[in-house]
Amino acid sequence: MDFRTSLNTIGDAEFEFIKNLVYKQAGIFLAPHKKIMVQSRLNARLRTLGIQSFEDYVAKLKMDQNFATQEMQELINRITTNKTDFFRENHHFEFLKNDYFPQLEKEAQETGASKNLRIWCSASSTGEEPYSIAITVYDYFQNKPGWNCKIYASDIDTQVLTTAKKGVYRDDRLEPVSETLKKKHFNQFTEKDHVFYEVKPHLKALVDFRQINLLHFPFPITDKLDLIFCRNVVIYFDKPTQKTLFQNFEVSLKPKGYLILGHSETMFGISDQFKFLGHTIYQKKQ
């Protein structure tokens, strides 16, 4: 096989067009060093479509509106990064269990505040994060009567959402989960000599998966939120997009609601609407 027919090279003009298109549609900023990554991830797509070059692919995006409309989701699915794990950055789940949930419970007892809990995992990827939240919520509130808990879980990538809704993972994905939690929250089965775990119905019932583009505001969640997870997402946005997103999160949260970012993310110099509590945990000031 001629290697040149199996791997296309993306030119500067084509990369610039795709970079601008992805930024406009998803807010993701593709720096120049991402060019090879884009080339690698889109080559398989070109082969699937039977398109011979990036020049032809970009020309079709420009000239064929129907193709461009249908292709946009496929393009975003391939550009987005979806690394995730169960209980990744576990200190955030410890904060829920040891600090935040006891605080909510105390407020409800002392003031008669609502026993409704609404959490949004705004970049759910293949589901490990929202199910980690669901395990933490379920284990804390399962024997506390009157609490109504719901977790919204969203992503822009439709492929990862399909995986998340199924809730089926190979055994190596469950390595961060204790044997006790596996038995309680997952059904184990074997298929084609591989061990899999499926999320049990009581967890699936807690999580509402839906596609949401974080650039499109107002968000399609009518409830005011107690807490938003948005971890390892805003690093892909430029500062103006981050500023707008943080403003929209602030509007979506209840007074003094919480926003949790990823370990390499910060609001410093971008937003003054939140109070920093440490460990990339922020609280809405009003």
C-alpha atoms as a PDB file:
ATOM      1  CA  MET A   1       0.000   0.000   0.000  1.00  0.00           C
ATOM      2  CA  ASP A   2       1.207   3.488  -0.820  1.00  0.00           C
ATOM      3  CA  PHE A   3       1.533   5.257   2.550  1.00  0.00           C
ATOM      4  CA  ARG A   4       0.512   8.536   0.940  1.00  0.00           C
ATOM      5  CA  THR A   5      -2.916   7.119   0.107  1.00  0.00           C
ATOM      6  CA  SER A   6      -3.542   6.013   3.704  1.00  0.00           C
ATOM      7  CA  LEU A   7      -2.421   9.180   5.469  1.00  0.00           C
ATOM      8  CA  ASN A   8      -3.257  12.672   4.276  1.00  0.00           C
ATOM      9  CA  THR A   9      -1.330  15.763   5.332  1.00  0.00           C
ATOM     10  CA  ILE A  10      -3.297  18.819   6.373  1.00  0.00           C
ATOM     11  CA  GLY A  11      -2.136  22.129   4.951  1.00  0.00           C
ATOM     12  CA  ASP A  12      -1.954  25.419   6.820  1.00  0.00           C
ATOM     13  CA  ALA A  13      -5.015  26.852   5.085  1.00  0.00           C
ATOM     14  CA  GLU A  14      -7.117  23.762   5.786  1.00  0.00           C
ATOM     15  CA  PHE A  15      -6.034  23.636   9.433  1.00  0.00           C
ATOM     16  CA  GLU A  16      -6.882  27.333   9.819  1.00  0.00           C
ATOM     17  CA  PHE A  17     -10.373  26.756   8.408  1.00  0.00           C
ATOM     18  CA  ILE A  18     -11.046  23.746  10.655  1.00  0.00           C
ATOM     19  CA  LYS A  19      -9.583  25.586  13.669  1.00  0.00           C
ATOM     20  CA  ASN A  20     -11.934  28.544  13.131  1.00  0.00           C
ATOM     21  CA  LEU A  21     -14.926  26.279  12.514  1.00  0.00           C
ATOM     22  CA  VAL A  22     -14.361  24.274  15.708  1.00  0.00           C
ATOM     23  CA  TYR A  23     -13.850  27.484  17.705  1.00  0.00           C
ATOM     24  CA  LYS A  24     -17.082  28.960  16.378  1.00  0.00           C
ATOM     25  CA  GLN A  25     -19.136  25.829  16.995  1.00  0.00           C
ATOM     26  CA  ALA A  26     -17.648  24.477  20.232  1.00  0.00           C
ATOM     27  CA  GLY A  27     -15.420  27.212  21.683  1.00  0.00           C
ATOM     28  CA  ILE A  28     -12.397  24.913  21.515  1.00  0.00           C
ATOM     29  CA  PHE A  29      -9.192  26.772  20.690  1.00  0.00           C
ATOM     30  CA  LEU A  30      -6.782  24.713  18.583  1.00  0.00           C
ATOM     31  CA  ALA A  31      -3.284  26.114  18.982  1.00  0.00           C
ATOM     32  CA  PRO A  32      -0.817  25.658  16.085  1.00  0.00           C
ATOM     33  CA  HIS A  33       0.850  22.682  17.794  1.00  0.00           C
ATOM     34  CA  LYS A  34      -2.509  20.834  17.594  1.00  0.00           C
ATOM     35  CA  LYS A  35      -2.213  20.591  13.809  1.00  0.00           C
ATOM     36  CA  ILE A  36      -0.766  17.065  13.839  1.00  0.00           C
ATOM     37  CA  MET A  37      -3.416  15.928  16.313  1.00  0.00           C
ATOM     38  CA  VAL A  38      -6.174  17.248  14.041  1.00  0.00           C
ATOM     39  CA  GLN A  39      -4.569  15.558  11.047  1.00  0.00           C
ATOM     40  CA  SER A  40      -4.321  12.245  12.888  1.00  0.00           C
ATOM     41  CA  ARG A  41      -7.880  12.257  14.208  1.00  0.00           C
ATOM     42  CA  LEU A  42      -9.492  13.297  10.931  1.00  0.00           C
ATOM     43  CA  ASN A  43      -7.625  10.949   8.590  1.00  0.00           C
ATOM     44  CA  ALA A  44      -9.868   8.031   9.501  1.00  0.00           C
ATOM     45  CA  ARG A  45     -12.903  10.236   8.879  1.00  0.00           C
ATOM     46  CA  LEU A  46     -11.659  11.133   5.401  1.00  0.00           C
ATOM     47  CA  ARG A  47     -11.205   7.438   4.607  1.00  0.00           C
ATOM     48  CA  THR A  48     -14.739   6.680   5.836  1.00  0.00           C
ATOM     49  CA  LEU A  49     -16.146   9.419   3.609  1.00  0.00           C
ATOM     50  CA  GLY A  50     -13.991   8.397   0.640  1.00  0.00           C
ATOM     51  CA  ILE A  51     -12.490  11.884   0.434  1.00  0.00           C
ATOM     52  CA  GLN A  52      -8.976  11.937  -0.959  1.00  0.00           C
ATOM     53  CA  SER A  53      -7.464  14.993   0.727  1.00  0.00           C
ATOM     54  CA  PHE A  54      -7.981  17.660   3.355  1.00  0.00           C
ATOM     55  CA  GLU A  55      -8.282  20.165   0.533  1.00  0.00           C
ATOM     56  CA  ASP A  56     -11.300  18.248  -0.813  1.00  0.00           C
ATOM     57  CA  TYR A  57     -12.759  17.847   2.700  1.00  0.00           C
ATOM     58  CA  VAL A  58     -12.579  21.567   3.462  1.00  0.00           C
ATOM     59  CA  ALA A  59     -13.922  22.454  -0.010  1.00  0.00           C
ATOM     60  CA  LYS A  60     -16.940  20.212   0.634  1.00  0.00           C
ATOM     61  CA  LEU A  61     -17.499  21.833   4.046  1.00  0.00           C
ATOM     62  CA  LYS A  62     -17.445  25.242   2.379  1.00  0.00           C
ATOM     63  CA  MET A  63     -19.557  24.448  -0.686  1.00  0.00           C
ATOM     64  CA  ASP A  64     -22.092  21.828   0.486  1.00  0.00           C
ATOM     65  CA  GLN A  65     -24.266  23.240   3.278  1.00  0.00           C
ATOM     66  CA  ASN A  66     -26.131  19.976   3.872  1.00  0.00           C
ATOM     67  CA  PHE A  67     -22.847  18.105   4.222  1.00  0.00           C
ATOM     68  CA  ALA A  68     -21.435  20.778   6.518  1.00  0.00           C
ATOM     69  CA  THR A  69     -24.492  20.640   8.781  1.00  0.00           C
ATOM     70  CA  GLN A  70     -24.391  16.843   9.043  1.00  0.00           C
ATOM     71  CA  GLU A  71     -20.605  16.655   9.345  1.00  0.00           C
ATOM     72  CA  MET A  72     -20.195  19.217  12.114  1.00  0.00           C
ATOM     73  CA  GLN A  73     -21.068  16.781  14.898  1.00  0.00           C
ATOM     74  CA  GLU A  74     -18.726  14.139  13.465  1.00  0.00           C
ATOM     75  CA  LEU A  75     -15.945  16.713  13.287  1.00  0.00           C
ATOM     76  CA  ILE A  76     -16.434  17.833  16.883  1.00  0.00           C
ATOM     77  CA  ASN A  77     -16.633  14.228  18.094  1.00  0.00           C
ATOM     78  CA  ARG A  78     -13.197  13.566  16.649  1.00  0.00           C
ATOM     79  CA  ILE A  79     -11.548  16.769  17.829  1.00  0.00           C
ATOM     80  CA  THR A  80     -12.699  16.636  21.454  1.00  0.00           C
ATOM     81  CA  THR A  81     -10.520  14.942  24.064  1.00  0.00           C
ATOM     82  CA  ASN A  82     -12.303  12.508  26.360  1.00  0.00           C
ATOM     83  CA  LYS A  83      -9.828  11.265  28.945  1.00  0.00           C
ATOM     84  CA  THR A  84     -11.595  10.395  32.176  1.00  0.00           C
ATOM     85  CA  ASP A  85     -11.544   7.936  35.084  1.00  0.00           C
ATOM     86  CA  PHE A  86     -13.722   6.904  37.972  1.00  0.00           C
ATOM     87  CA  PHE A  87     -13.040   9.122  40.995  1.00  0.00           C
ATOM     88  CA  ARG A  88     -10.458  11.166  39.109  1.00  0.00           C
ATOM     89  CA  GLU A  89      -9.121  13.941  41.387  1.00  0.00           C
ATOM     90  CA  ASN A  90     -10.714  12.116  44.307  1.00  0.00           C
ATOM     91  CA  HIS A  91     -10.399  15.077  46.694  1.00  0.00           C
ATOM     92  CA  HIS A  92     -13.449  16.592  44.995  1.00  0.00           C
ATOM     93  CA  PHE A  93     -15.573  13.576  45.902  1.00  0.00           C
ATOM     94  CA  GLU A  94     -14.180  13.672  49.434  1.00  0.00           C
ATOM     95  CA  PHE A  95     -15.299  17.323  49.592  1.00  0.00           C
ATOM     96  CA  LEU A  96     -18.830  16.291  48.629  1.00  0.00           C
ATOM     97  CA  LYS A  97     -18.978  13.491  51.180  1.00  0.00           C
ATOM     98  CA  ASN A  98     -17.190  15.125  54.115  1.00  0.00           C
ATOM     99  CA  ASP A  99     -18.003  18.830  53.745  1.00  0.00           C
ATOM    100  CA  TYR A 100     -20.678  19.780  51.245  1.00  0.00           C
ATOM    101  CA  PHE A 101     -23.366  17.142  51.854  1.00  0.00           C
ATOM    102  CA  PRO A 102     -23.195  17.448  55.671  1.00  0.00           C
ATOM    103  CA  GLN A 103     -23.502  21.239  55.248  1.00  0.00           C
ATOM    104  CA  LEU A 104     -26.618  20.831  53.076  1.00  0.00           C
ATOM    105  CA  GLU A 105     -28.132  18.401  55.530  1.00  0.00           C
ATOM    106  CA  LYS A 106     -27.475  20.723  58.478  1.00  0.00           C
ATOM    107  CA  GLU A 107     -29.037  23.700  56.654  1.00  0.00           C
ATOM    108  CA  ALA A 108     -32.126  21.648  55.838  1.00  0.00           C
ATOM    109  CA  GLN A 109     -32.508  20.602  59.473  1.00  0.00           C
ATOM    110  CA  GLU A 110     -31.931  24.044  60.962  1.00  0.00           C
ATOM    111  CA  THR A 111     -33.723  26.282  58.461  1.00  0.00           C
ATOM    112  CA  GLY A 112     -36.189  24.005  56.736  1.00  0.00           C
ATOM    113  CA  ALA A 113     -34.395  24.551  53.431  1.00  0.00           C
ATOM    114  CA  SER A 114     -35.351  22.417  50.448  1.00  0.00           C
ATOM    115  CA  LYS A 115     -34.107  18.835  50.382  1.00  0.00           C
ATOM    116  CA  ASN A 116     -33.653  19.009  46.630  1.00  0.00           C
ATOM    117  CA  LEU A 117     -30.103  18.506  45.342  1.00  0.00           C
ATOM    118  CA  ARG A 118     -29.249  19.333  41.735  1.00  0.00           C
ATOM    119  CA  ILE A 119     -25.754  18.720  40.352  1.00  0.00           C
ATOM    120  CA  TRP A 120     -24.589  19.235  36.772  1.00  0.00           C
ATOM    121  CA  CYS A 121     -21.610  17.338  35.391  1.00  0.00           C
ATOM    122  CA  SER A 122     -21.080  19.531  32.338  1.00  0.00           C
ATOM    123  CA  ALA A 123     -18.435  17.424  30.573  1.00  0.00           C
ATOM    124  CA  SER A 124     -19.459  13.857  31.279  1.00  0.00           C
ATOM    125  CA  SER A 125     -17.409  12.159  28.557  1.00  0.00           C
ATOM    126  CA  THR A 126     -17.988   8.369  28.697  1.00  0.00           C
ATOM    127  CA  GLY A 127     -19.736   8.560  32.066  1.00  0.00           C
ATOM    128  CA  GLU A 128     -17.092   7.778  34.668  1.00  0.00           C
ATOM    129  CA  GLU A 129     -17.365  11.218  36.281  1.00  0.00           C
ATOM    130  CA  PRO A 130     -21.171  11.469  36.611  1.00  0.00           C
ATOM    131  CA  TYR A 131     -21.388   7.898  37.874  1.00  0.00           C
ATOM    132  CA  SER A 132     -18.684   8.708  40.449  1.00  0.00           C
ATOM    133  CA  ILE A 133     -20.834  11.647  41.549  1.00  0.00           C
ATOM    134  CA  ALA A 134     -23.896   9.371  41.605  1.00  0.00           C
ATOM    135  CA  ILE A 135     -22.121   6.813  43.820  1.00  0.00           C
ATOM    136  CA  THR A 136     -21.127   9.582  46.234  1.00  0.00           C
ATOM    137  CA  VAL A 137     -24.649  11.027  46.287  1.00  0.00           C
ATOM    138  CA  TYR A 138     -26.376   7.662  46.655  1.00  0.00           C
ATOM    139  CA  ASP A 139     -24.127   6.412  49.443  1.00  0.00           C
ATOM    140  CA  TYR A 140     -24.600   9.598  51.463  1.00  0.00           C
ATOM    141  CA  PHE A 141     -28.346  10.148  51.007  1.00  0.00           C
ATOM    142  CA  GLN A 142     -29.722   6.607  50.603  1.00  0.00           C
ATOM    143  CA  ASN A 143     -30.864   6.365  54.241  1.00  0.00           C
ATOM    144  CA  LYS A 144     -31.847  10.025  54.648  1.00  0.00           C
ATOM    145  CA  PRO A 145     -35.588  10.394  53.993  1.00  0.00           C
ATOM    146  CA  GLY A 146     -37.056  13.256  52.015  1.00  0.00           C
ATOM    147  CA  TRP A 147     -34.073  14.039  49.813  1.00  0.00           C
ATOM    148  CA  ASN A 148     -34.668  14.408  46.084  1.00  0.00           C
ATOM    149  CA  CYS A 149     -31.358  14.165  44.224  1.00  0.00           C
ATOM    150  CA  LYS A 150     -30.709  14.504  40.497  1.00  0.00           C
ATOM    151  CA  ILE A 151     -27.526  14.666  38.444  1.00  0.00           C
ATOM    152  CA  TYR A 152     -27.529  16.229  34.997  1.00  0.00           C
ATOM    153  CA  ALA A 153     -24.696  14.947  32.829  1.00  0.00           C
ATOM    154  CA  SER A 154     -23.844  16.451  29.463  1.00  0.00           C
ATOM    155  CA  ASP A 155     -21.253  16.512  26.720  1.00  0.00           C
ATOM    156  CA  ILE A 156     -20.978  17.978  23.245  1.00  0.00           C
ATOM    157  CA  ASP A 157     -19.743  14.632  21.858  1.00  0.00           C
ATOM    158  CA  THR A 158     -22.638  12.333  20.940  1.00  0.00           C
ATOM    159  CA  GLN A 159     -20.474   9.206  20.732  1.00  0.00           C
ATOM    160  CA  VAL A 160     -19.242   9.407  24.323  1.00  0.00           C
ATOM    161  CA  LEU A 161     -22.793  10.096  25.517  1.00  0.00           C
ATOM    162  CA  THR A 162     -23.948   6.842  23.926  1.00  0.00           C
ATOM    163  CA  THR A 163     -21.269   4.982  25.904  1.00  0.00           C
ATOM    164  CA  ALA A 164     -22.170   6.856  29.087  1.00  0.00           C
ATOM    165  CA  LYS A 165     -25.876   6.008  28.832  1.00  0.00           C
ATOM    166  CA  LYS A 166     -25.080   2.304  28.436  1.00  0.00           C
ATOM    167  CA  GLY A 167     -22.895   2.415  31.551  1.00  0.00           C
ATOM    168  CA  VAL A 168     -20.839  -0.651  30.599  1.00  0.00           C
ATOM    169  CA  TYR A 169     -17.079  -0.664  31.256  1.00  0.00           C
ATOM    170  CA  ARG A 170     -14.238  -3.151  30.968  1.00  0.00           C
ATOM    171  CA  ASP A 171     -12.775  -4.259  34.272  1.00  0.00           C
ATOM    172  CA  ASP A 172      -9.616  -2.152  33.876  1.00  0.00           C
ATOM    173  CA  ARG A 173     -11.758   1.008  33.890  1.00  0.00           C
ATOM    174  CA  LEU A 174     -13.014   0.057  37.366  1.00  0.00           C
ATOM    175  CA  GLU A 175      -9.542  -0.157  38.939  1.00  0.00           C
ATOM    176  CA  PRO A 176     -10.045   3.048  41.028  1.00  0.00           C
ATOM    177  CA  VAL A 177     -13.302   1.616  42.453  1.00  0.00           C
ATOM    178  CA  SER A 178     -13.169  -0.494  45.607  1.00  0.00           C
ATOM    179  CA  GLU A 179     -14.501  -4.055  45.593  1.00  0.00           C
ATOM    180  CA  THR A 180     -17.228  -2.994  48.013  1.00  0.00           C
ATOM    181  CA  LEU A 181     -18.461  -0.249  45.674  1.00  0.00           C
ATOM    182  CA  LYS A 182     -18.225  -2.552  42.648  1.00  0.00           C
ATOM    183  CA  LYS A 183     -20.508  -5.108  44.299  1.00  0.00           C
ATOM    184  CA  LYS A 184     -22.940  -2.448  45.456  1.00  0.00           C
ATOM    185  CA  HIS A 185     -23.228  -0.364  42.297  1.00  0.00           C
ATOM    186  CA  PHE A 186     -22.244  -2.597  39.332  1.00  0.00           C
ATOM    187  CA  ASN A 187     -23.272  -5.909  37.813  1.00  0.00           C
ATOM    188  CA  GLN A 188     -20.315  -7.997  36.626  1.00  0.00           C
ATOM    189  CA  PHE A 189     -20.466 -10.166  33.515  1.00  0.00           C
ATOM    190  CA  THR A 190     -18.085 -11.845  31.077  1.00  0.00           C
ATOM    191  CA  GLU A 191     -18.241 -11.520  27.310  1.00  0.00           C
ATOM    192  CA  LYS A 192     -15.717 -12.877  24.805  1.00  0.00           C
ATOM    193  CA  ASP A 193     -13.254 -13.670  27.631  1.00  0.00           C
ATOM    194  CA  HIS A 194     -13.374 -10.094  28.934  1.00  0.00           C
ATOM    195  CA  VAL A 195     -14.817  -9.001  32.278  1.00  0.00           C
ATOM    196  CA  PHE A 196     -17.240  -6.072  32.169  1.00  0.00           C
ATOM    197  CA  TYR A 197     -19.168  -4.077  34.743  1.00  0.00           C
ATOM    198  CA  GLU A 198     -22.542  -2.469  34.136  1.00  0.00           C
ATOM    199  CA  VAL A 199     -23.870   0.364  36.272  1.00  0.00           C
ATOM    200  CA  LYS A 200     -26.879  -0.808  38.290  1.00  0.00           C
ATOM    201  CA  PRO A 201     -30.330   0.735  37.708  1.00  0.00           C
ATOM    202  CA  HIS A 202     -30.385   2.666  41.004  1.00  0.00           C
ATOM    203  CA  LEU A 203     -27.398   4.744  39.807  1.00  0.00           C
ATOM    204  CA  LYS A 204     -28.657   5.150  36.246  1.00  0.00           C
ATOM    205  CA  ALA A 205     -31.913   6.507  37.659  1.00  0.00           C
ATOM    206  CA  LEU A 206     -30.007   9.348  39.326  1.00  0.00           C
ATOM    207  CA  VAL A 207     -28.332  10.573  36.117  1.00  0.00           C
ATOM    208  CA  ASP A 208     -29.992  12.421  33.234  1.00  0.00           C
ATOM    209  CA  PHE A 209     -27.689  12.390  30.192  1.00  0.00           C
ATOM    210  CA  ARG A 210     -28.163  14.969  27.450  1.00  0.00           C
ATOM    211  CA  GLN A 211     -26.138  16.734  24.767  1.00  0.00           C
ATOM    212  CA  ILE A 212     -25.288  20.328  25.685  1.00  0.00           C
ATOM    213  CA  ASN A 213     -22.979  22.765  23.937  1.00  0.00           C
ATOM    214  CA  LEU A 214     -21.453  24.989  26.622  1.00  0.00           C
ATOM    215  CA  LEU A 215     -21.441  27.901  24.159  1.00  0.00           C
ATOM    216  CA  HIS A 216     -25.231  27.839  23.869  1.00  0.00           C
ATOM    217  CA  PHE A 217     -26.832  29.833  26.673  1.00  0.00           C
ATOM    218  CA  PRO A 218     -29.290  29.643  28.345  1.00  0.00           C
ATOM    219  CA  PHE A 219     -28.474  26.024  29.063  1.00  0.00           C
ATOM    220  CA  PRO A 220     -31.360  23.541  28.601  1.00  0.00           C
ATOM    221  CA  ILE A 221     -31.590  22.855  32.355  1.00  0.00           C
ATOM    222  CA  THR A 222     -34.486  24.613  34.034  1.00  0.00           C
ATOM    223  CA  ASP A 223     -33.494  23.836  37.633  1.00  0.00           C
ATOM    224  CA  LYS A 224     -31.256  26.194  39.533  1.00  0.00           C
ATOM    225  CA  LEU A 225     -28.160  24.187  40.361  1.00  0.00           C
ATOM    226  CA  ASP A 226     -26.478  23.555  43.693  1.00  0.00           C
ATOM    227  CA  LEU A 227     -23.163  22.507  42.186  1.00  0.00           C
ATOM    228  CA  ILE A 228     -21.505  22.304  38.764  1.00  0.00           C
ATOM    229  CA  PHE A 229     -18.596  20.069  37.819  1.00  0.00           C
ATOM    230  CA  CYS A 230     -16.679  21.471  34.846  1.00  0.00           C
ATOM    231  CA  ARG A 231     -13.337  19.722  35.120  1.00  0.00           C
ATOM    232  CA  ASN A 232     -10.591  19.670  32.499  1.00  0.00           C
ATOM    233  CA  VAL A 233     -12.706  21.488  29.934  1.00  0.00           C
ATOM    234  CA  VAL A 234     -11.975  25.204  30.152  1.00  0.00           C
ATOM    235  CA  ILE A 235      -8.282  24.559  29.390  1.00  0.00           C
ATOM    236  CA  TYR A 236      -9.428  24.087  25.792  1.00  0.00           C
ATOM    237  CA  PHE A 237     -11.124  27.522  25.712  1.00  0.00           C
ATOM    238  CA  ASP A 238      -9.461  30.896  25.314  1.00  0.00           C
ATOM    239  CA  LYS A 239      -9.883  33.496  28.069  1.00  0.00           C
ATOM    240  CA  PRO A 240     -12.841  35.402  26.516  1.00  0.00           C
ATOM    241  CA  THR A 241     -14.752  32.116  26.157  1.00  0.00           C
ATOM    242  CA  GLN A 242     -13.836  31.117  29.713  1.00  0.00           C
ATOM    243  CA  LYS A 243     -15.076  34.471  31.037  1.00  0.00           C
ATOM    244  CA  THR A 244     -18.425  34.079  29.291  1.00  0.00           C
ATOM    245  CA  LEU A 245     -18.784  30.484  30.467  1.00  0.00           C
ATOM    246  CA  PHE A 246     -18.084  31.390  34.096  1.00  0.00           C
ATOM    247  CA  GLN A 247     -20.663  34.197  33.885  1.00  0.00           C
ATOM    248  CA  ASN A 248     -23.243  31.733  32.559  1.00  0.00           C
ATOM    249  CA  PHE A 249     -22.419  29.190  35.252  1.00  0.00           C
ATOM    250  CA  GLU A 250     -22.869  31.909  37.879  1.00  0.00           C
ATOM    251  CA  VAL A 251     -26.363  32.633  36.540  1.00  0.00           C
ATOM    252  CA  SER A 252     -27.218  28.918  36.538  1.00  0.00           C
ATOM    253  CA  LEU A 253     -26.202  28.323  40.151  1.00  0.00           C
ATOM    254  CA  LYS A 254     -28.268  28.911  43.270  1.00  0.00           C
ATOM    255  CA  PRO A 255     -26.999  31.611  45.661  1.00  0.00           C
ATOM    256  CA  LYS A 256     -23.678  30.467  47.109  1.00  0.00           C
ATOM    257  CA  GLY A 257     -23.643  27.441  44.805  1.00  0.00           C
ATOM    258  CA  TYR A 258     -20.393  25.679  43.975  1.00  0.00           C
ATOM    259  CA  LEU A 259     -18.304  25.287  40.820  1.00  0.00           C
ATOM    260  CA  ILE A 260     -15.566  22.665  40.633  1.00  0.00           C
ATOM    261  CA  LEU A 261     -12.821  22.918  37.998  1.00  0.00           C
ATOM    262  CA  GLY A 262      -9.991  20.583  37.004  1.00  0.00           C
ATOM    263  CA  HIS A 263      -6.591  20.530  38.718  1.00  0.00           C
ATOM    264  CA  SER A 264      -4.878  22.693  36.062  1.00  0.00           C
ATOM    265  CA  GLU A 265      -7.687  25.235  35.713  1.00  0.00           C
ATOM    266  CA  THR A 266      -8.274  28.553  37.477  1.00  0.00           C
ATOM    267  CA  MET A 267     -10.536  31.588  37.544  1.00  0.00           C
ATOM    268  CA  PHE A 268      -7.701  33.871  38.550  1.00  0.00           C
ATOM    269  CA  GLY A 269      -7.767  37.021  36.413  1.00  0.00           C
ATOM    270  CA  ILE A 270     -10.876  35.815  34.559  1.00  0.00           C
ATOM    271  CA  SER A 271     -13.824  35.993  36.954  1.00  0.00           C
ATOM    272  CA  ASP A 272     -14.428  37.714  40.301  1.00  0.00           C
ATOM    273  CA  GLN A 273     -17.915  36.264  40.811  1.00  0.00           C
ATOM    274  CA  PHE A 274     -16.673  33.284  42.833  1.00  0.00           C
ATOM    275  CA  LYS A 275     -14.745  32.787  46.064  1.00  0.00           C
ATOM    276  CA  PHE A 276     -11.800  30.362  45.867  1.00  0.00           C
ATOM    277  CA  LEU A 277     -11.952  27.654  48.548  1.00  0.00           C
ATOM    278  CA  GLY A 278      -8.889  25.633  47.507  1.00  0.00           C
ATOM    279  CA  HIS A 279      -8.396  22.462  45.443  1.00  0.00           C
ATOM    280  CA  THR A 280     -10.055  24.183  42.404  1.00  0.00           C
ATOM    281  CA  ILE A 281     -13.348  24.459  44.329  1.00  0.00           C
ATOM    282  CA  TYR A 282     -15.154  27.795  43.951  1.00  0.00           C
ATOM    283  CA  GLN A 283     -18.284  29.211  45.597  1.00  0.00           C
ATOM    284  CA  LYS A 284     -20.609  31.770  44.101  1.00  0.00           C
ATOM    285  CA  LYS A 285     -20.346  34.971  46.147  1.00  0.00           C
ATOM    286  CA  GLN A 286     -24.048  35.871  46.129  1.00  0.00           C
END
